[in-house]
Amino acid sequence: MELEKKYAQALADLAKNKSSDEISVIFLNFISLLKKRGHYSLLPKILKSLENIKQKKDLNAVEFIVSSAKQEDKFKPKLVEFKKYFSGEEKVKTKIDETIVGGFIIKSKNIIIDGSYKKALMSLYNKFTS
């Protein structure tokens, strides 16, 4: 593994589950370390590697889509129920999408569970019009 990737991974591991104030302190100490070791010129490559690490984690995120904040609380048990189908400890991102009318959609990179009212209404409409 290249040095900048090792630095980026170490920085990502240190920042995991930390507050923004703690991350600021970690980053300032990290900059000092780079300067001491004469590796400060690697900083742009380290930041790019850090961004790649973040993007890979975002690919593993599970998206929980609901029509409103009230719907989120109502369908949270469904998310817990279906979480067993997802591999690993994915991060859950909640998204509000009023176009689904109601219900929920759970998306991961491999699975989509559509329990939205929009899908049910479209299915019903298609049955009556065909």
Protein backbone atom coordinates (compact mmCIF):
# COMPACT_ATOMS: atom_id res chain seq x y z
CA MET A 1 0.00 0.00 0.00
CA GLU A 2 1.27 3.46 -0.85
CA LEU A 3 2.26 5.78 1.97
CA GLU A 4 -0.51 8.31 1.31
CA LYS A 5 -3.13 5.53 1.41
CA LYS A 6 -1.75 4.30 4.74
CA TYR A 7 -1.90 7.84 6.13
CA ALA A 8 -5.46 8.28 4.81
CA GLN A 9 -6.61 4.99 6.35
CA ALA A 10 -4.99 5.88 9.69
CA LEU A 11 -6.67 9.29 9.65
CA ALA A 12 -10.04 7.73 8.78
CA ASP A 13 -9.68 5.21 11.62
CA LEU A 14 -8.77 7.95 14.10
CA ALA A 15 -11.70 10.15 13.08
CA LYS A 16 -14.27 7.35 13.25
CA ASN A 17 -17.10 8.13 15.73
CA LYS A 18 -15.49 11.40 16.83
CA SER A 19 -17.07 14.84 17.20
CA SER A 20 -16.12 17.64 14.83
CA ASP A 21 -14.02 19.30 17.58
CA GLU A 22 -12.10 16.07 18.17
CA ILE A 23 -11.57 15.64 14.42
CA SER A 24 -10.16 19.17 14.21
CA VAL A 25 -7.60 18.37 16.91
CA ILE A 26 -6.72 15.06 15.23
CA PHE A 27 -6.25 16.80 11.88
CA LEU A 28 -4.03 19.54 13.34
CA ASN A 29 -1.88 16.90 15.06
CA PHE A 30 -1.78 14.95 11.81
CA ILE A 31 -0.52 18.02 9.90
CA SER A 32 2.21 18.49 12.54
CA LEU A 33 3.23 14.85 12.16
CA LEU A 34 3.47 15.20 8.38
CA LYS A 35 5.67 18.28 8.74
CA LYS A 36 7.95 16.54 11.27
CA ARG A 37 8.42 13.53 9.01
CA GLY A 38 8.90 15.64 5.88
CA HIS A 39 5.76 14.20 4.28
CA TYR A 40 3.74 17.43 4.10
CA SER A 41 3.91 17.37 0.29
CA LEU A 42 1.80 14.19 0.37
CA LEU A 43 -1.18 16.04 1.88
CA PRO A 44 -3.13 16.50 -1.40
CA LYS A 45 -2.76 12.79 -2.22
CA ILE A 46 -3.72 11.85 1.34
CA LEU A 47 -6.87 13.96 1.12
CA LYS A 48 -7.76 12.38 -2.22
CA SER A 49 -7.28 8.89 -0.73
CA LEU A 50 -9.39 9.93 2.24
CA GLU A 51 -12.17 11.01 -0.13
CA ASN A 52 -11.98 7.60 -1.88
CA ILE A 53 -12.34 5.86 1.48
CA LYS A 54 -15.41 7.99 2.24
CA GLN A 55 -16.98 7.18 -1.14
CA LYS A 56 -16.50 3.45 -0.59
CA LYS A 57 -18.25 3.73 2.77
CA ASP A 58 -21.10 5.68 1.15
CA LEU A 59 -21.57 2.85 -1.38
CA ASN A 60 -22.28 0.51 1.53
CA ALA A 61 -24.81 2.88 3.06
CA VAL A 62 -28.43 1.84 3.29
CA GLU A 63 -30.89 4.51 2.19
CA PHE A 64 -34.18 4.66 4.10
CA ILE A 65 -36.65 6.76 2.10
CA VAL A 66 -39.91 7.99 3.62
CA SER A 67 -42.43 10.67 2.65
CA SER A 68 -42.15 12.70 5.87
CA ALA A 69 -40.44 12.79 9.27
CA LYS A 70 -43.59 11.33 10.87
CA GLN A 71 -43.41 8.38 8.48
CA GLU A 72 -39.81 7.74 9.55
CA ASP A 73 -40.85 6.91 13.12
CA LYS A 74 -43.76 4.82 11.88
CA PHE A 75 -41.67 2.63 9.55
CA LYS A 76 -38.43 2.42 11.59
CA PRO A 77 -39.41 -1.10 12.80
CA LYS A 78 -39.53 -2.22 9.13
CA LEU A 79 -35.96 -1.01 8.69
CA VAL A 80 -34.87 -3.04 11.72
CA GLU A 81 -36.78 -6.06 10.39
CA PHE A 82 -35.17 -5.92 6.93
CA LYS A 83 -31.69 -5.05 8.21
CA LYS A 84 -30.91 -8.78 8.48
CA TYR A 85 -30.82 -8.93 4.67
CA PHE A 86 -28.00 -6.41 4.43
CA SER A 87 -24.40 -7.54 4.68
CA GLY A 88 -22.24 -6.04 7.40
CA GLU A 89 -22.80 -2.96 9.50
CA GLU A 90 -24.02 -0.48 6.90
CA LYS A 91 -24.68 3.10 7.80
CA VAL A 92 -28.33 4.13 7.37
CA LYS A 93 -29.11 7.42 5.65
CA THR A 94 -32.68 8.69 5.96
CA LYS A 95 -34.06 10.65 3.04
CA ILE A 96 -37.41 12.46 2.76
CA ASP A 97 -39.12 12.07 -0.63
CA GLU A 98 -42.70 13.37 -0.72
CA THR A 99 -43.32 11.82 -4.17
CA ILE A 100 -43.63 8.33 -2.68
CA VAL A 101 -46.89 9.52 -1.03
CA GLY A 102 -46.42 7.25 2.03
CA GLY A 103 -44.78 4.03 3.10
CA PHE A 104 -41.06 3.45 2.76
CA ILE A 105 -38.27 2.36 0.42
CA ILE A 106 -35.09 0.71 1.69
CA LYS A 107 -32.16 0.67 -0.75
CA SER A 108 -28.73 -0.84 -0.51
CA LYS A 109 -26.28 -1.51 -3.31
CA ASN A 110 -27.81 -4.99 -3.89
CA ILE A 111 -31.36 -4.84 -2.51
CA ILE A 112 -34.37 -2.56 -2.93
CA ILE A 113 -37.41 -3.07 -0.71
CA ASP A 114 -40.26 -0.92 -1.97
CA GLY A 115 -43.11 -0.58 0.48
CA SER A 116 -44.20 2.80 -0.85
CA TYR A 117 -47.79 3.79 -1.46
CA LYS A 118 -46.73 5.20 -4.81
CA LYS A 119 -45.80 1.73 -6.08
CA ALA A 120 -49.03 0.23 -4.77
CA LEU A 121 -51.11 3.01 -6.34
CA MET A 122 -49.29 2.68 -9.69
CA SER A 123 -49.84 -1.08 -9.64
CA LEU A 124 -53.54 -0.61 -8.93
CA TYR A 125 -53.80 2.00 -11.68
CA ASN A 126 -52.10 -0.31 -14.19
CA LYS A 127 -54.52 -3.16 -13.34
CA PHE A 128 -57.55 -0.96 -14.00
CA THR A 129 -56.26 0.63 -17.17
CA SER A 130 -54.97 -2.46 -18.94
